Protein backbone atom coordinates (compact mmCIF):
# COMPACT_ATOMS: atom_id res chain seq x y z
CA MET A 1 -22.74 0.81 -44.52
CA ALA A 2 -19.63 0.08 -42.46
CA TYR A 3 -20.11 -1.61 -39.10
CA THR A 4 -18.06 1.13 -37.42
CA SER A 5 -16.29 4.34 -38.33
CA VAL A 6 -13.81 3.83 -35.49
CA ASP A 7 -11.32 1.03 -36.19
CA ASP A 8 -8.94 2.13 -33.43
CA PRO A 9 -10.86 3.28 -30.34
CA THR A 10 -7.59 4.00 -28.50
CA ILE A 11 -7.20 7.26 -30.41
CA TYR A 12 -10.30 8.60 -28.61
CA PHE A 13 -10.21 6.85 -25.23
CA ASN A 14 -7.38 5.20 -23.33
CA THR A 15 -6.37 4.29 -19.79
CA VAL A 16 -2.89 4.73 -18.36
CA LEU A 17 -1.46 3.61 -15.03
CA TYR A 18 1.38 5.35 -13.21
CA THR A 19 3.12 5.72 -9.86
CA GLY A 20 3.41 9.10 -8.16
CA ASN A 21 6.80 10.60 -7.32
CA GLY A 22 5.77 13.56 -5.15
CA SER A 23 7.57 15.96 -7.49
CA THR A 24 7.33 16.62 -11.22
CA GLN A 25 6.77 14.08 -13.97
CA THR A 26 5.27 13.66 -17.43
CA ILE A 27 2.86 10.77 -17.95
CA THR A 28 3.00 9.29 -21.46
CA GLY A 29 1.38 6.40 -23.30
CA VAL A 30 -2.06 7.93 -23.76
CA GLY A 31 -1.65 7.78 -27.54
CA PHE A 32 -3.21 11.19 -28.18
CA GLN A 33 -3.44 14.64 -26.63
CA PRO A 34 -6.14 14.25 -23.97
CA ASP A 35 -8.88 16.84 -23.54
CA TRP A 36 -10.52 15.28 -20.49
CA VAL A 37 -8.47 13.50 -17.83
CA TRP A 38 -10.04 11.68 -14.86
CA ILE A 39 -7.45 10.58 -12.27
CA LYS A 40 -7.93 8.37 -9.20
CA ASN A 41 -5.49 7.26 -6.55
CA ARG A 42 -5.80 3.47 -6.54
CA SER A 43 -3.87 2.83 -3.33
CA GLY A 44 -5.17 5.72 -1.23
CA ALA A 45 -8.56 6.95 -0.05
CA GLN A 46 -8.52 10.19 -1.99
CA GLY A 47 -11.05 11.76 -4.31
CA HIS A 48 -11.37 11.65 -8.08
CA SER A 49 -9.56 14.51 -9.87
CA LEU A 50 -11.19 15.65 -13.13
CA TYR A 51 -9.44 18.10 -15.45
CA ASP A 52 -10.49 19.24 -18.91
CA VAL A 53 -9.44 21.54 -21.73
CA VAL A 54 -12.54 23.73 -21.50
CA ARG A 55 -12.08 24.69 -17.85
CA GLY A 56 -8.33 24.89 -18.47
CA PHE A 57 -5.39 22.62 -17.71
CA THR A 58 -2.79 25.27 -16.91
CA THR A 59 -4.99 26.92 -14.29
CA GLY A 60 -5.31 23.64 -12.39
CA THR A 61 -9.09 23.81 -12.01
CA VAL A 62 -10.25 20.45 -10.70
CA LEU A 63 -13.55 18.77 -9.83
CA ASN A 64 -14.21 15.64 -7.76
CA THR A 65 -17.05 13.23 -8.56
CA ALA A 66 -16.97 11.89 -4.99
CA ASP A 67 -18.46 15.07 -3.53
CA ASN A 68 -20.69 17.96 -4.55
CA GLY A 69 -18.08 20.65 -3.96
CA ALA A 70 -17.48 23.61 -6.22
CA GLU A 71 -14.48 23.68 -8.52
CA ALA A 72 -11.14 23.91 -6.73
CA THR A 73 -7.76 25.18 -7.88
CA SER A 74 -4.69 22.99 -7.42
CA GLU A 75 -2.44 26.09 -7.40
CA GLY A 76 0.49 24.71 -9.36
CA ASN A 77 0.20 21.19 -7.98
CA GLY A 78 -1.50 18.32 -9.78
CA LEU A 79 -2.13 18.21 -13.51
CA ASN A 80 -0.88 21.46 -15.03
CA GLY A 81 -0.44 20.76 -18.74
CA ILE A 82 -1.09 18.35 -21.59
CA ASP A 83 1.18 16.89 -24.26
CA SER A 84 0.69 15.06 -27.54
CA ASP A 85 0.90 11.71 -25.72
CA GLY A 86 -0.12 12.49 -22.14
CA PHE A 87 -0.01 15.11 -19.41
CA ASP A 88 2.26 16.87 -16.93
CA LEU A 89 2.14 16.60 -13.15
CA SER A 90 3.83 18.68 -10.48
CA GLY A 91 3.93 18.51 -6.70
CA ASN A 92 2.37 16.22 -4.17
CA ASN A 93 -1.12 17.52 -4.85
CA THR A 94 -3.58 17.14 -1.99
CA VAL A 95 -6.29 19.41 -3.43
CA VAL A 96 -9.50 17.41 -4.00
CA GLY A 97 -8.08 14.02 -4.86
CA GLY A 98 -4.34 14.08 -5.27
CA THR A 99 -2.53 13.05 -8.43
CA ASN A 100 1.15 12.49 -7.65
CA ALA A 101 1.88 11.40 -4.08
CA SER A 102 5.16 9.54 -3.78
CA SER A 103 4.88 5.76 -4.28
CA GLN A 104 1.09 5.87 -4.66
CA THR A 105 -0.44 4.11 -7.67
CA TYR A 106 -2.86 5.92 -9.98
CA VAL A 107 -5.19 5.35 -12.90
CA ALA A 108 -5.95 8.04 -15.48
CA TRP A 109 -8.85 7.71 -17.89
CA ASN A 110 -8.37 9.92 -20.96
CA TRP A 111 -10.73 11.13 -23.68
CA ALA A 112 -10.05 13.05 -26.91
CA MET A 113 -12.84 15.61 -27.07
CA GLY A 114 -11.98 17.05 -30.46
CA THR A 115 -12.01 20.66 -31.58
CA SER A 116 -13.18 23.91 -30.04
CA PHE A 117 -16.85 24.78 -30.34
CA SER A 118 -18.84 27.96 -29.84
CA ASN A 119 -22.54 28.62 -30.31
CA ASP A 120 -24.15 32.06 -30.26
CA ALA A 121 -27.74 30.97 -29.75
CA SER A 122 -29.25 34.19 -31.04
CA ALA A 123 -27.21 34.03 -34.24
CA THR A 124 -27.59 30.32 -35.01
CA SER A 125 -31.09 29.76 -33.58
CA VAL A 126 -29.69 26.55 -32.08
CA GLY A 127 -30.54 26.50 -28.39
CA SER A 128 -31.56 29.43 -26.21
CA ILE A 129 -28.40 29.73 -24.09
CA ASP A 130 -24.96 30.50 -25.54
CA SER A 131 -22.51 27.63 -25.14
CA SER A 132 -18.92 26.75 -25.95
CA GLY A 133 -16.60 23.83 -25.48
CA SER A 134 -14.87 21.01 -27.30
CA ILE A 135 -16.57 18.45 -29.55
CA ASN A 136 -15.63 15.17 -31.20
CA THR A 137 -18.45 14.20 -33.54
CA THR A 138 -16.66 11.06 -34.76
CA ALA A 139 -16.42 9.69 -31.22
CA GLY A 140 -19.77 11.12 -30.08
CA GLN A 141 -18.40 13.01 -27.09
CA SER A 142 -18.25 16.66 -26.11
CA ILE A 143 -17.52 19.02 -23.23
CA ILE A 144 -19.91 21.97 -23.13
CA SER A 145 -19.86 25.00 -20.86
CA TRP A 146 -22.34 27.82 -20.37
CA THR A 147 -23.19 30.59 -17.97
CA GLY A 148 -26.31 30.11 -15.90
CA THR A 149 -29.44 32.16 -16.47
CA GLY A 150 -31.56 30.89 -13.59
CA SER A 151 -34.22 29.79 -16.07
CA ALA A 152 -35.08 26.82 -18.22
CA GLY A 153 -33.46 26.73 -21.63
CA THR A 154 -31.78 24.65 -24.33
CA ILE A 155 -28.05 24.24 -24.89
CA ALA A 156 -26.23 23.19 -28.07
CA HIS A 157 -24.02 20.13 -27.53
CA GLY A 158 -22.40 20.00 -30.98
CA LEU A 159 -22.60 16.23 -31.49
CA SER A 160 -25.01 16.06 -34.45
CA ALA A 161 -26.38 12.98 -32.70
CA VAL A 162 -28.66 12.49 -29.71
CA PRO A 163 -26.68 12.25 -26.46
CA ARG A 164 -27.70 9.29 -24.35
CA MET A 165 -25.81 10.36 -21.24
CA ILE A 166 -25.11 13.89 -20.00
CA ILE A 167 -23.19 14.70 -16.81
CA VAL A 168 -23.73 18.23 -15.47
CA LYS A 169 -21.89 20.06 -12.67
CA ASN A 170 -22.25 23.57 -11.29
CA ARG A 171 -18.65 24.80 -11.06
CA ASP A 172 -19.42 27.60 -8.59
CA GLN A 173 -21.73 25.91 -6.09
CA ASN A 174 -21.88 22.89 -3.81
CA ASP A 175 -24.35 21.07 -6.02
CA SER A 176 -24.45 17.40 -6.93
CA TRP A 177 -23.34 15.92 -10.24
CA TYR A 178 -26.64 15.49 -12.09
CA VAL A 179 -26.77 12.75 -14.73
CA TYR A 180 -29.22 12.39 -17.57
CA HIS A 181 -29.25 8.81 -18.85
CA VAL A 182 -31.49 7.37 -21.54
CA ALA A 183 -32.41 4.49 -19.21
CA ASN A 184 -33.99 6.94 -16.74
CA GLY A 185 -35.76 9.21 -19.22
CA ASN A 186 -36.25 12.95 -19.03
CA THR A 187 -38.20 13.08 -15.76
CA HIS A 188 -35.50 11.50 -13.60
CA SER A 189 -31.93 12.24 -12.62
CA ILE A 190 -29.30 10.12 -10.95
CA LEU A 191 -26.45 11.63 -8.97
CA LEU A 192 -22.85 10.71 -9.74
CA ASP A 193 -21.60 11.81 -6.30
CA THR A 194 -23.96 9.56 -4.29
CA ASN A 195 -24.99 5.90 -4.22
CA GLY A 196 -28.67 6.77 -4.39
CA ALA A 197 -31.23 5.31 -6.77
CA LYS A 198 -32.63 7.45 -9.56
CA VAL A 199 -34.72 10.33 -8.31
CA GLY A 200 -37.89 11.83 -9.73
CA ALA A 201 -38.08 14.73 -7.30
CA TYR A 202 -36.06 16.93 -9.64
CA THR A 203 -38.29 16.63 -12.69
CA ASP A 204 -37.33 20.08 -13.91
CA ASN A 205 -33.63 19.24 -14.23
CA TRP A 206 -34.09 18.34 -17.91
CA ASN A 207 -37.27 20.38 -18.33
CA ASN A 208 -39.05 17.06 -18.92
CA THR A 209 -37.57 17.10 -22.42
CA THR A 210 -35.49 14.46 -24.21
CA PRO A 211 -32.26 15.67 -25.85
CA THR A 212 -32.21 16.10 -29.62
CA SER A 213 -29.38 15.81 -32.12
CA SER A 214 -28.62 19.51 -31.61
CA VAL A 215 -29.56 20.51 -28.03
CA PHE A 216 -30.28 19.28 -24.53
CA SER A 217 -32.69 20.95 -22.13
CA VAL A 218 -32.21 22.23 -18.61
CA GLY A 219 -35.01 23.25 -16.26
CA GLY A 220 -35.28 25.94 -13.64
CA ALA A 221 -33.27 23.97 -11.07
CA HIS A 222 -29.99 25.83 -10.64
CA ALA A 223 -28.15 22.50 -10.27
CA THR A 224 -28.51 21.97 -14.03
CA SER A 225 -29.37 25.37 -15.50
CA GLY A 226 -27.20 27.42 -13.15
CA ALA A 227 -28.29 30.54 -11.32
CA SER A 228 -27.54 33.84 -13.03
CA ASN A 229 -23.82 34.12 -13.95
CA GLU A 230 -22.84 30.76 -12.45
CA LYS A 231 -20.38 28.69 -14.49
CA MET A 232 -21.68 25.30 -15.65
CA ILE A 233 -19.94 22.32 -17.30
CA SER A 234 -21.32 19.20 -18.96
CA TYR A 235 -19.92 16.03 -20.49
CA CYS A 236 -22.12 14.67 -23.30
CA PHE A 237 -22.03 11.22 -24.90
CA ALA A 238 -23.83 9.63 -27.84
CA ASP A 239 -23.68 6.00 -29.01
CA VAL A 240 -21.08 5.39 -31.71
CA LYS A 241 -21.27 1.89 -33.15
CA GLY A 242 -18.09 -0.04 -32.42
CA TYR A 243 -16.76 2.64 -30.04
CA SER A 244 -19.27 3.53 -27.32
CA ARG A 245 -22.45 2.07 -25.91
CA ILE A 246 -24.82 3.80 -23.48
CA SER A 247 -27.76 1.66 -22.46
CA SER A 248 -29.10 -0.57 -19.67
CA TYR A 249 -29.82 -4.17 -18.70
CA VAL A 250 -32.13 -5.92 -16.26
CA GLY A 251 -30.65 -8.06 -13.51
CA ASN A 252 -31.55 -11.68 -12.77
CA ALA A 253 -29.75 -12.16 -9.38
CA ASP A 254 -27.89 -15.21 -10.71
CA THR A 255 -24.17 -15.89 -11.07
CA ASP A 256 -25.05 -16.70 -14.68
CA GLY A 257 -25.99 -13.08 -15.13
CA PRO A 258 -27.11 -11.13 -18.19
CA PHE A 259 -24.98 -10.70 -21.27
CA VAL A 260 -24.69 -6.97 -21.92
CA TYR A 261 -24.29 -6.32 -25.63
CA CYS A 262 -21.88 -3.54 -26.60
CA GLY A 263 -20.71 -4.48 -30.10
CA PHE A 264 -17.09 -4.38 -28.96
CA ARG A 265 -14.70 -5.63 -26.34
CA PRO A 266 -14.86 -2.96 -23.63
CA ALA A 267 -11.89 -0.97 -22.42
CA TRP A 268 -13.96 0.83 -19.77
CA PHE A 269 -17.30 0.06 -18.17
CA LEU A 270 -19.30 2.34 -15.84
CA VAL A 271 -22.38 0.80 -14.22
CA LYS A 272 -25.04 1.83 -11.65
CA ASN A 273 -28.14 0.16 -10.26
CA THR A 274 -30.90 2.73 -10.83
CA ALA A 275 -33.33 1.14 -8.36
CA ALA A 276 -31.17 0.72 -5.26
CA SER A 277 -28.66 2.54 -3.06
CA GLU A 278 -25.56 0.96 -4.57
CA HIS A 279 -22.28 2.56 -5.58
CA TRP A 280 -21.34 3.52 -9.10
CA ARG A 281 -18.65 1.14 -10.38
CA VAL A 282 -15.86 1.53 -12.94
CA TYR A 283 -13.90 -1.33 -14.50
CA ASP A 284 -11.16 -1.03 -17.11
CA ASN A 285 -8.84 -3.23 -19.16
CA LYS A 286 -5.59 -1.90 -17.68
CA ARG A 287 -6.17 -2.55 -13.98
CA ASN A 288 -7.53 -5.98 -14.88
CA THR A 289 -5.86 -7.37 -17.98
CA PHE A 290 -7.80 -10.66 -18.03
CA ASN A 291 -11.16 -12.03 -16.85
CA HIS A 292 -12.67 -11.97 -14.33
CA MET A 293 -12.73 -8.20 -13.90
CA PHE A 294 -12.91 -7.42 -10.19
CA ARG A 295 -10.66 -4.40 -9.58
CA LEU A 296 -13.14 -1.59 -9.29
CA LEU A 297 -13.35 2.03 -8.25
CA ASN A 298 -16.43 3.94 -7.13
CA PRO A 299 -16.82 7.43 -8.65
CA ASN A 300 -19.04 8.48 -5.73
CA GLU A 301 -16.45 7.52 -3.11
CA ASN A 302 -12.91 8.47 -2.12
CA SER A 303 -12.13 4.84 -1.28
CA SER A 304 -9.11 3.04 -2.66
CA GLU A 305 -9.37 0.37 -5.32
CA SER A 306 -11.16 -2.84 -4.39
CA THR A 307 -8.84 -5.77 -5.04
CA VAL A 308 -10.81 -8.57 -3.36
CA ASP A 309 -11.88 -11.26 -5.82
CA ASN A 310 -14.81 -12.65 -3.83
CA GLY A 311 -17.31 -13.16 -6.63
CA SER A 312 -19.61 -10.28 -5.68
CA GLU A 313 -18.10 -7.79 -8.12
CA GLU A 314 -17.08 -10.00 -11.04
CA ILE A 315 -17.75 -9.30 -14.70
CA ASP A 316 -16.10 -10.52 -17.90
CA PHE A 317 -15.05 -8.35 -20.83
CA LEU A 318 -15.94 -10.33 -23.98
CA SER A 319 -15.35 -9.61 -27.66
CA ASN A 320 -18.78 -8.04 -28.11
CA GLY A 321 -19.87 -7.01 -24.63
CA VAL A 322 -19.92 -7.78 -20.90
CA LYS A 323 -20.99 -10.91 -19.05
CA ILE A 324 -22.24 -10.35 -15.50
CA ARG A 325 -20.84 -13.06 -13.21
CA SER A 326 -22.18 -11.74 -9.90
CA SER A 327 -25.58 -12.33 -8.33
CA ALA A 328 -25.19 -9.32 -6.03
CA GLN A 329 -27.61 -6.40 -6.19
CA GLN A 330 -24.96 -3.83 -7.09
CA LEU A 331 -24.46 -5.53 -10.48
CA ASN A 332 -27.42 -7.85 -10.88
CA GLY A 333 -30.43 -7.03 -8.70
CA SER A 334 -33.41 -9.19 -9.63
CA GLY A 335 -35.70 -7.32 -12.01
CA GLN A 336 -33.80 -4.09 -11.44
CA THR A 337 -32.54 -1.81 -14.19
CA LEU A 338 -28.82 -1.07 -14.30
CA LEU A 339 -27.53 1.71 -16.52
CA PHE A 340 -24.10 1.64 -18.10
CA MET A 341 -21.70 3.49 -20.35
CA ALA A 342 -18.89 1.61 -22.09
CA PHE A 343 -15.98 2.50 -24.36
CA ALA A 344 -14.24 0.07 -26.68
CA GLU A 345 -10.87 -1.60 -26.75
CA ALA A 346 -11.66 -3.02 -30.19
CA PRO A 347 -14.86 -3.18 -32.27
CA PHE A 348 -16.35 -6.63 -32.84
CA VAL A 349 -16.19 -6.02 -36.60
CA ASN A 350 -13.99 -3.40 -38.25
CA SER A 351 -14.99 -0.86 -40.92
CA ASN A 352 -14.17 -3.38 -43.68
CA GLY A 353 -16.59 -5.91 -42.23
CA VAL A 354 -13.80 -8.16 -40.91
CA PRO A 355 -14.29 -9.60 -37.40
CA ASN A 356 -11.54 -8.77 -34.93
CA ASN A 357 -9.91 -11.67 -33.14
CA ALA A 358 -11.76 -12.84 -30.06
CA ARG A 359 -10.04 -11.93 -26.83
């Protein structure tokens, strides 16, 4: 069996950097037509702007991971279209997070979420709630939407593999971003819009049920299931060898920190201490092109990019994973579990069994 089915991860995930012009511009260099675009102003304290093909690019519907607000509409400003190699921006958008202010620097994280998907639960007997969206089974990632029922149920995710991380947001209400992660199990959630530790108070979020290769479960809490007729959105991710890794590690509070195995050199690394009130952190291979990685952004904050290389935030991207170089609690709390999700720049070994060059 081949080590990986994904020799070129950049056709499913890629990061681009650009500078805003306050007017209209097309951002290229993504390498594919993106289906989910997550934009952050690096130089300004503005929110995170998330757009996707399921909610609609041309309508300008945008969500922000840094707060619990309902979906907003950018009304002709911001991201308003996608292309085969990128996306289109117009105006000096100030709705939610901003995407194109003059002379401001930005990062855009892009995912290819595949083809359209629709599931009539009564017809297929897969799940109990109708769902639709966009799925990429090769890359193990999907966007799934449904209409709330106010009750517990199961929702088809289309991956044909067990998702290890699911991010859920109520589009119509001021509800937090609830995250299922395999490291926390099915009786806990962790919130993407706060710095809080994992919480067990919302045990019905996932109906105390682990996802399967066909469905994930939501409980009676309207933050995950949605009250009657409320619009819900989720982003689902499974492990794909050589492309994505969703797991956890235990900190040792030493500058010679844990080695976090991924099976590839990462292009993007999201990490959160599950036991402490510490920010979520995102690193990527475009804002830092060599080790140590220290330029970070916090999905739960509007703050600008941290550019201080003081040792407290340092990690290394290696050919087969991540080396933690910080002793600080946010990355390496002693005995504490830190969850992560990573996407590849290059697999450690390609589909022909040939090692890629060390980087």
